[in-house]
Amino acid sequence: MSKNIAISDDVYRRLKREKGDRSFSEVIAEKLDGGGEIADVTGQGIFDAKTPDDVADEIEQLSEGTMNRMTDETL
């Protein structure tokens, strides 16, 4: 039985490069069976734990700046 999954083009290229003459399932299973996590295959987990908070803070600051400019233009 097989299942379809959606992956990004970048992840597809990485899996394809890794697989050689093996199936995608074999590559993923090898990573999981070897004590790896699916993130090892997909490239997730490449940022340190603080990065998401830093990004969220920056987005919030940029959003505030946009709102301030919009308010200034409507006054």
Protein backbone atom coordinates (compact mmCIF):
# COMPACT_ATOMS: atom_id res chain seq x y z
CA MET A 1 0.00 0.00 0.00
CA SER A 2 1.30 3.45 -0.80
CA LYS A 3 0.38 6.97 0.31
CA ASN A 4 0.91 10.27 -1.44
CA ILE A 5 2.58 13.05 0.52
CA ALA A 6 3.31 16.63 -0.44
CA ILE A 7 6.87 17.88 -0.04
CA SER A 8 8.58 21.06 -1.17
CA ASP A 9 10.61 21.11 -4.36
CA ASP A 10 13.78 21.57 -2.32
CA VAL A 11 13.10 18.50 -0.19
CA TYR A 12 12.24 16.49 -3.30
CA ARG A 13 15.57 17.41 -4.91
CA ARG A 14 17.44 16.46 -1.72
CA LEU A 15 15.67 13.12 -1.44
CA LYS A 16 16.21 12.40 -5.12
CA ARG A 17 19.94 13.16 -4.81
CA GLU A 18 20.19 10.88 -1.75
CA LYS A 19 18.18 7.97 -3.12
CA GLY A 20 20.32 6.81 -6.05
CA ASP A 21 18.70 3.61 -7.26
CA ARG A 22 16.69 3.12 -4.05
CA SER A 23 13.07 4.15 -3.54
CA PHE A 24 12.10 7.25 -1.63
CA SER A 25 10.53 4.97 0.98
CA GLU A 26 13.84 3.16 1.46
CA VAL A 27 15.72 6.44 1.98
CA ILE A 28 13.21 7.74 4.51
CA ALA A 29 12.97 4.38 6.32
CA GLU A 30 16.77 4.18 6.53
CA LYS A 31 16.89 7.59 8.20
CA LEU A 32 14.12 6.70 10.63
CA ASP A 33 15.49 3.21 11.39
CA GLY A 34 18.95 4.63 11.96
CA GLY A 35 17.72 6.63 14.92
CA GLY A 36 17.16 9.69 12.80
CA GLU A 37 14.07 11.78 12.69
CA ILE A 38 12.07 12.81 9.68
CA ALA A 39 13.48 16.32 10.21
CA ASP A 40 16.89 14.87 9.29
CA VAL A 41 15.52 14.11 5.84
CA THR A 42 13.41 17.22 5.35
CA GLY A 43 15.94 19.74 6.58
CA GLN A 44 13.77 20.97 9.42
CA GLY A 45 15.38 21.72 12.73
CA ILE A 46 18.20 23.68 11.10
CA PHE A 47 17.60 26.73 13.26
CA ASP A 48 18.40 27.04 16.92
CA ALA A 49 15.52 27.16 19.40
CA LYS A 50 15.64 30.97 19.69
CA THR A 51 15.21 31.68 15.96
CA PRO A 52 11.39 31.31 15.75
CA ASP A 53 10.95 33.79 18.61
CA ASP A 54 13.39 36.23 16.97
CA VAL A 55 11.52 36.00 13.68
CA ALA A 56 8.16 36.49 15.40
CA ASP A 57 9.51 39.57 17.21
CA GLU A 58 10.84 41.04 13.97
CA ILE A 59 7.53 40.44 12.18
CA GLU A 60 5.70 42.14 15.03
CA GLN A 61 8.04 45.17 14.85
CA LEU A 62 7.65 45.41 11.08
CA SER A 63 3.86 45.15 11.42
CA GLU A 64 3.82 47.93 14.00
CA GLY A 65 5.86 50.11 11.64
CA THR A 66 3.40 49.48 8.83
CA MET A 67 0.43 50.33 11.05
CA ASN A 68 2.16 53.52 12.24
CA ARG A 69 2.79 54.62 8.64
CA MET A 70 -0.82 53.90 7.69
CA THR A 71 -2.07 55.88 10.69
CA ASP A 72 0.23 58.82 9.83
CA GLU A 73 -1.03 58.85 6.23
CA THR A 74 -4.69 58.92 7.26
CA LEU A 75 -4.33 61.83 9.71
